[in-house]
């Protein structure tokens, strides 16, 4: 949902800015612009002195302007914070078998998965982040840093068969989708004497 809202808002803002900028450029270049457009030439101003003073004596004008601008600032801040917020899952719902369920901290499961992934042969470092829309259907993003002698296909198979399978079984999940990113460790070239 957030991606769709982002795309729609960015598309509308981009279209509005493109149209306004194009109309100002057209008016500045001496081309014809619509009759309702407030800026009609090179020496014209966007708001005349009469337009700026028109509502000055009205008691309701400035509170309305300030309220609208405050709402726009709050919406912009909300949007910015939504972009910066990570989609990390704080808790995972574990089926205890008695119909109740228990909550496990997401960081705890991430730490265990990362530790088990780092214990695999050929893995020098692992980072795990649980994501997802609900506590009962998590997904995992795994970043593995492989040592020079590691075989990526074998390491990936062992990761899925061991660390991911253990996490899925211990949390009582039907499935645990995983996105894995592999990177190589930087190392010096070996010298042969």
Foldseek 3Di string as FASTA:
>chain_A
DLVVVVVVVVVVVVVVVVVVVVQLVCQAVVHADDPPQQRRHNPGDRADPCRVCVCVPPPVPVVVVVVVVVVVVVVVVVNVVVVVDDQFDQWAWADPPPPPTDIDGQVVLQVQLFVVLCPDPFFPGKGKTWGDDDNHAIEIEMETEGEPVDDVVVSVVCSCVPSLVVSCVVRVHPDYHYHYHYHYDDDDDDDDD
